[in-house]
Amino acid sequence: MKKLSQKTASQFLIKTTLVSALILCFHVIAKAQPSEQNELSKNSLYLDSGIGYGGQVSFNYERRVYSGEKTTWFGRLGAGTAYLLTSNNNVWDVYTGTGGLAAVTMLTGKKNKHFELNVGAFIVDDPDKTTAGVYPLLDVGYRYQEPGGGFVFKAKIGILGLGIAFGHAF
């Protein structure tokens, strides 16, 4: 079996994430009927954190890109820090790095209670170059957000572990 380089693996993760998000997006848009819309705020800012095998703390900006009868789609950009736990001969190390993230968020539900799905990537620049690269983001969870704006709360579980977020929609 051929071993992939870190660059090749990172490129594969980015392409796979983008293709999956696009397919899901087109599928939902094609099925949605715009009769009664659940208009959520166009913008939101929030502080997001996660803990587990790997994790992150980031400040995020989300912008609504589509609002349908059953789903609302957002584009998300963020900046922050990420960490990864690694084990070598039963010795655990923590590698950290700063970076940015890009993701697509899908919300379902009415009024202020929503199911949330996030797909994207966190790109980390490690000063030691030991763990620099692209880490996939795949989270599912609950979001409390009023349609008119205001307080935002998120609870999630994903590839890297558990997380919460607090912020404001406007």
C-alpha atoms as a PDB file:
ATOM      1  CA  MET A   1       0.000   0.000   0.000  1.00  0.00           C
ATOM      2  CA  LYS A   2       1.395   3.380  -1.010  1.00  0.00           C
ATOM      3  CA  LYS A   3       1.814   6.005   1.724  1.00  0.00           C
ATOM      4  CA  LEU A   4       0.360   9.448   0.912  1.00  0.00           C
ATOM      5  CA  SER A   5       2.326  12.602   1.580  1.00  0.00           C
ATOM      6  CA  GLN A   6       0.842  15.177   3.949  1.00  0.00           C
ATOM      7  CA  LYS A   7       0.277  17.567   1.031  1.00  0.00           C
ATOM      8  CA  THR A   8      -1.542  14.913  -0.997  1.00  0.00           C
ATOM      9  CA  ALA A   9      -3.661  13.895   2.007  1.00  0.00           C
ATOM     10  CA  SER A  10      -4.536  17.546   2.725  1.00  0.00           C
ATOM     11  CA  GLN A  11      -5.540  18.154  -0.891  1.00  0.00           C
ATOM     12  CA  PHE A  12      -7.685  15.018  -0.850  1.00  0.00           C
ATOM     13  CA  LEU A  13      -9.465  16.140   2.360  1.00  0.00           C
ATOM     14  CA  ILE A  14     -10.169  19.602   0.962  1.00  0.00           C
ATOM     15  CA  LYS A  15     -11.522  18.263  -2.321  1.00  0.00           C
ATOM     16  CA  THR A  16     -13.635  15.594  -0.635  1.00  0.00           C
ATOM     17  CA  THR A  17     -15.122  18.099   1.824  1.00  0.00           C
ATOM     18  CA  LEU A  18     -15.967  20.616  -0.903  1.00  0.00           C
ATOM     19  CA  VAL A  19     -17.493  18.034  -3.253  1.00  0.00           C
ATOM     20  CA  SER A  20     -19.589  16.534  -0.423  1.00  0.00           C
ATOM     21  CA  ALA A  21     -20.854  19.957   0.650  1.00  0.00           C
ATOM     22  CA  LEU A  22     -21.765  20.907  -2.931  1.00  0.00           C
ATOM     23  CA  ILE A  23     -23.631  17.653  -3.569  1.00  0.00           C
ATOM     24  CA  LEU A  24     -25.580  18.016  -0.329  1.00  0.00           C
ATOM     25  CA  CYS A  25     -26.301  21.661  -1.077  1.00  0.00           C
ATOM     26  CA  PHE A  26     -27.664  21.005  -4.576  1.00  0.00           C
ATOM     27  CA  HIS A  27     -29.738  18.069  -3.322  1.00  0.00           C
ATOM     28  CA  VAL A  28     -31.448  20.148  -0.619  1.00  0.00           C
ATOM     29  CA  ILE A  29     -31.961  23.184  -2.883  1.00  0.00           C
ATOM     30  CA  ALA A  30     -33.566  20.977  -5.541  1.00  0.00           C
ATOM     31  CA  LYS A  31     -36.020  19.486  -3.009  1.00  0.00           C
ATOM     32  CA  ALA A  32     -36.885  22.698  -1.153  1.00  0.00           C
ATOM     33  CA  GLN A  33     -40.134  24.452  -2.025  1.00  0.00           C
ATOM     34  CA  PRO A  34     -40.070  28.159  -1.109  1.00  0.00           C
ATOM     35  CA  SER A  35     -43.662  28.489   0.172  1.00  0.00           C
ATOM     36  CA  GLU A  36     -43.298  29.322   3.882  1.00  0.00           C
ATOM     37  CA  GLN A  37     -39.819  30.502   4.786  1.00  0.00           C
ATOM     38  CA  ASN A  38     -38.196  30.467   8.205  1.00  0.00           C
ATOM     39  CA  GLU A  39     -36.072  33.604   7.798  1.00  0.00           C
ATOM     40  CA  LEU A  40     -33.107  33.539  10.134  1.00  0.00           C
ATOM     41  CA  SER A  41     -30.783  36.499  10.588  1.00  0.00           C
ATOM     42  CA  LYS A  42     -28.331  37.092   7.760  1.00  0.00           C
ATOM     43  CA  ASN A  43     -25.228  37.359   9.953  1.00  0.00           C
ATOM     44  CA  SER A  44     -23.894  35.911  13.172  1.00  0.00           C
ATOM     45  CA  LEU A  45     -20.702  36.212  15.176  1.00  0.00           C
ATOM     46  CA  TYR A  46     -19.760  33.634  17.792  1.00  0.00           C
ATOM     47  CA  LEU A  47     -16.951  32.109  19.828  1.00  0.00           C
ATOM     48  CA  ASP A  48     -16.703  28.373  19.203  1.00  0.00           C
ATOM     49  CA  SER A  49     -14.693  25.815  21.168  1.00  0.00           C
ATOM     50  CA  GLY A  50     -14.258  22.078  21.053  1.00  0.00           C
ATOM     51  CA  ILE A  51     -12.417  19.459  23.075  1.00  0.00           C
ATOM     52  CA  GLY A  52     -11.512  15.830  22.461  1.00  0.00           C
ATOM     53  CA  TYR A  53      -8.853  14.003  20.437  1.00  0.00           C
ATOM     54  CA  GLY A  54      -8.250  17.299  18.739  1.00  0.00           C
ATOM     55  CA  GLY A  55      -9.949  20.597  19.220  1.00  0.00           C
ATOM     56  CA  GLN A  56     -10.120  24.257  18.511  1.00  0.00           C
ATOM     57  CA  VAL A  57     -11.082  27.662  19.782  1.00  0.00           C
ATOM     58  CA  SER A  58     -12.137  30.104  17.101  1.00  0.00           C
ATOM     59  CA  PHE A  59     -13.973  33.334  16.471  1.00  0.00           C
ATOM     60  CA  ASN A  60     -16.435  32.862  13.598  1.00  0.00           C
ATOM     61  CA  TYR A  61     -18.480  34.914  11.156  1.00  0.00           C
ATOM     62  CA  GLU A  62     -21.450  33.287   9.426  1.00  0.00           C
ATOM     63  CA  ARG A  63     -23.459  34.677   6.511  1.00  0.00           C
ATOM     64  CA  ARG A  64     -26.765  33.252   5.319  1.00  0.00           C
ATOM     65  CA  VAL A  65     -26.520  32.200   1.666  1.00  0.00           C
ATOM     66  CA  TYR A  66     -29.859  30.390   1.208  1.00  0.00           C
ATOM     67  CA  SER A  67     -33.138  30.261   3.101  1.00  0.00           C
ATOM     68  CA  GLY A  68     -35.754  27.681   2.157  1.00  0.00           C
ATOM     69  CA  GLU A  69     -38.873  26.169   3.660  1.00  0.00           C
ATOM     70  CA  LYS A  70     -37.039  23.425   5.546  1.00  0.00           C
ATOM     71  CA  THR A  71     -33.371  24.390   5.522  1.00  0.00           C
ATOM     72  CA  THR A  72     -31.167  27.437   5.815  1.00  0.00           C
ATOM     73  CA  TRP A  73     -27.562  27.444   4.559  1.00  0.00           C
ATOM     74  CA  PHE A  74     -24.698  29.581   5.836  1.00  0.00           C
ATOM     75  CA  GLY A  75     -21.111  30.150   4.759  1.00  0.00           C
ATOM     76  CA  ARG A  76     -18.691  30.315   7.672  1.00  0.00           C
ATOM     77  CA  LEU A  77     -15.198  31.765   8.132  1.00  0.00           C
ATOM     78  CA  GLY A  78     -13.203  31.716  11.339  1.00  0.00           C
ATOM     79  CA  ALA A  79      -9.807  32.247  12.878  1.00  0.00           C
ATOM     80  CA  GLY A  80      -8.318  30.718  15.972  1.00  0.00           C
ATOM     81  CA  THR A  81      -6.092  28.007  17.361  1.00  0.00           C
ATOM     82  CA  ALA A  82      -6.261  24.232  17.123  1.00  0.00           C
ATOM     83  CA  TYR A  83      -4.588  21.376  18.941  1.00  0.00           C
ATOM     84  CA  LEU A  84      -3.971  17.718  18.288  1.00  0.00           C
ATOM     85  CA  LEU A  85      -3.088  14.999  20.807  1.00  0.00           C
ATOM     86  CA  THR A  86      -0.561  12.455  19.565  1.00  0.00           C
ATOM     87  CA  SER A  87       0.995   9.406  21.166  1.00  0.00           C
ATOM     88  CA  ASN A  88       4.486   8.086  20.543  1.00  0.00           C
ATOM     89  CA  ASN A  89       5.553   5.036  22.585  1.00  0.00           C
ATOM     90  CA  ASN A  90       2.872   5.757  25.211  1.00  0.00           C
ATOM     91  CA  VAL A  91       4.052   9.365  25.620  1.00  0.00           C
ATOM     92  CA  TRP A  92       1.334  11.915  24.833  1.00  0.00           C
ATOM     93  CA  ASP A  93       2.193  15.213  23.164  1.00  0.00           C
ATOM     94  CA  VAL A  94      -0.009  18.210  22.429  1.00  0.00           C
ATOM     95  CA  TYR A  95       0.698  20.120  19.222  1.00  0.00           C
ATOM     96  CA  THR A  96      -0.898  23.530  18.739  1.00  0.00           C
ATOM     97  CA  GLY A  97      -1.081  25.961  15.875  1.00  0.00           C
ATOM     98  CA  THR A  98      -2.995  28.989  14.692  1.00  0.00           C
ATOM     99  CA  GLY A  99      -5.078  29.055  11.579  1.00  0.00           C
ATOM    100  CA  GLY A 100      -8.365  29.646   9.897  1.00  0.00           C
ATOM    101  CA  LEU A 101     -11.410  27.685   8.959  1.00  0.00           C
ATOM    102  CA  ALA A 102     -13.964  27.635   6.192  1.00  0.00           C
ATOM    103  CA  ALA A 103     -17.197  25.686   6.423  1.00  0.00           C
ATOM    104  CA  VAL A 104     -20.745  25.306   5.197  1.00  0.00           C
ATOM    105  CA  THR A 105     -23.523  25.131   7.808  1.00  0.00           C
ATOM    106  CA  MET A 106     -27.000  23.709   7.287  1.00  0.00           C
ATOM    107  CA  LEU A 107     -29.829  24.416   9.753  1.00  0.00           C
ATOM    108  CA  THR A 108     -33.238  22.776   9.893  1.00  0.00           C
ATOM    109  CA  GLY A 109     -36.098  23.486  12.232  1.00  0.00           C
ATOM    110  CA  LYS A 110     -38.532  26.272  12.953  1.00  0.00           C
ATOM    111  CA  LYS A 111     -38.565  29.230  15.323  1.00  0.00           C
ATOM    112  CA  ASN A 112     -35.575  29.053  17.683  1.00  0.00           C
ATOM    113  CA  LYS A 113     -34.644  25.333  17.864  1.00  0.00           C
ATOM    114  CA  HIS A 114     -32.520  23.931  15.046  1.00  0.00           C
ATOM    115  CA  PHE A 115     -30.592  20.842  14.017  1.00  0.00           C
ATOM    116  CA  GLU A 116     -27.185  21.901  12.670  1.00  0.00           C
ATOM    117  CA  LEU A 117     -24.690  20.225  10.332  1.00  0.00           C
ATOM    118  CA  ASN A 118     -21.221  21.727   9.670  1.00  0.00           C
ATOM    119  CA  VAL A 119     -18.794  20.545   6.996  1.00  0.00           C
ATOM    120  CA  GLY A 120     -15.471  22.255   6.362  1.00  0.00           C
ATOM    121  CA  ALA A 121     -11.777  22.388   7.111  1.00  0.00           C
ATOM    122  CA  PHE A 122      -9.477  24.012   9.688  1.00  0.00           C
ATOM    123  CA  ILE A 123      -6.137  24.982   8.153  1.00  0.00           C
ATOM    124  CA  VAL A 124      -3.405  25.082  10.803  1.00  0.00           C
ATOM    125  CA  ASP A 125       0.050  26.622  10.585  1.00  0.00           C
ATOM    126  CA  ASP A 126       2.273  24.907  13.157  1.00  0.00           C
ATOM    127  CA  PRO A 127       5.518  26.826  13.832  1.00  0.00           C
ATOM    128  CA  ASP A 128       7.385  23.520  14.301  1.00  0.00           C
ATOM    129  CA  LYS A 129       5.880  22.096  11.089  1.00  0.00           C
ATOM    130  CA  THR A 130       5.155  18.810  12.881  1.00  0.00           C
ATOM    131  CA  THR A 131       1.363  18.941  12.594  1.00  0.00           C
ATOM    132  CA  ALA A 132       0.714  21.722  10.065  1.00  0.00           C
ATOM    133  CA  GLY A 133      -2.007  20.894   7.638  1.00  0.00           C
ATOM    134  CA  VAL A 134      -5.698  20.679   6.999  1.00  0.00           C
ATOM    135  CA  TYR A 135      -8.031  19.102   9.540  1.00  0.00           C
ATOM    136  CA  PRO A 136     -11.569  18.193   8.490  1.00  0.00           C
ATOM    137  CA  LEU A 137     -14.544  19.638  10.349  1.00  0.00           C
ATOM    138  CA  LEU A 138     -17.693  17.549  10.519  1.00  0.00           C
ATOM    139  CA  ASP A 139     -20.062  18.427  13.354  1.00  0.00           C
ATOM    140  CA  VAL A 140     -23.721  17.760  14.121  1.00  0.00           C
ATOM    141  CA  GLY A 141     -25.623  19.423  16.902  1.00  0.00           C
ATOM    142  CA  TYR A 142     -28.273  21.722  18.283  1.00  0.00           C
ATOM    143  CA  ARG A 143     -28.535  25.480  17.772  1.00  0.00           C
ATOM    144  CA  TYR A 144     -30.720  27.920  19.639  1.00  0.00           C
ATOM    145  CA  GLN A 145     -31.247  31.024  17.489  1.00  0.00           C
ATOM    146  CA  GLU A 146     -34.305  33.267  17.224  1.00  0.00           C
ATOM    147  CA  PRO A 147     -35.389  34.102  13.649  1.00  0.00           C
ATOM    148  CA  GLY A 148     -35.151  37.861  14.301  1.00  0.00           C
ATOM    149  CA  GLY A 149     -31.632  37.750  15.735  1.00  0.00           C
ATOM    150  CA  GLY A 150     -30.128  37.947  19.188  1.00  0.00           C
ATOM    151  CA  PHE A 151     -28.459  35.312  21.353  1.00  0.00           C
ATOM    152  CA  VAL A 152     -26.976  32.198  19.682  1.00  0.00           C
ATOM    153  CA  PHE A 153     -26.066  28.990  21.521  1.00  0.00           C
ATOM    154  CA  LYS A 154     -24.645  25.871  19.857  1.00  0.00           C
ATOM    155  CA  ALA A 155     -23.859  22.406  21.233  1.00  0.00           C
ATOM    156  CA  LYS A 156     -22.128  19.934  18.913  1.00  0.00           C
ATOM    157  CA  ILE A 157     -20.379  16.610  18.538  1.00  0.00           C
ATOM    158  CA  GLY A 158     -17.958  15.961  15.713  1.00  0.00           C
ATOM    159  CA  ILE A 159     -14.821  14.286  14.446  1.00  0.00           C
ATOM    160  CA  LEU A 160     -12.609  16.122  16.935  1.00  0.00           C
ATOM    161  CA  GLY A 161     -14.905  15.831  19.958  1.00  0.00           C
ATOM    162  CA  LEU A 162     -17.554  17.869  21.791  1.00  0.00           C
ATOM    163  CA  GLY A 163     -18.042  21.609  21.561  1.00  0.00           C
ATOM    164  CA  ILE A 164     -20.134  24.651  22.408  1.00  0.00           C
ATOM    165  CA  ALA A 165     -20.473  28.161  21.034  1.00  0.00           C
ATOM    166  CA  PHE A 166     -21.974  31.452  22.192  1.00  0.00           C
ATOM    167  CA  GLY A 167     -22.651  34.484  20.085  1.00  0.00           C
ATOM    168  CA  HIS A 168     -25.036  36.976  18.526  1.00  0.00           C
ATOM    169  CA  ALA A 169     -27.095  36.919  15.315  1.00  0.00           C
ATOM    170  CA  PHE A 170     -28.096  40.111  13.509  1.00  0.00           C
END
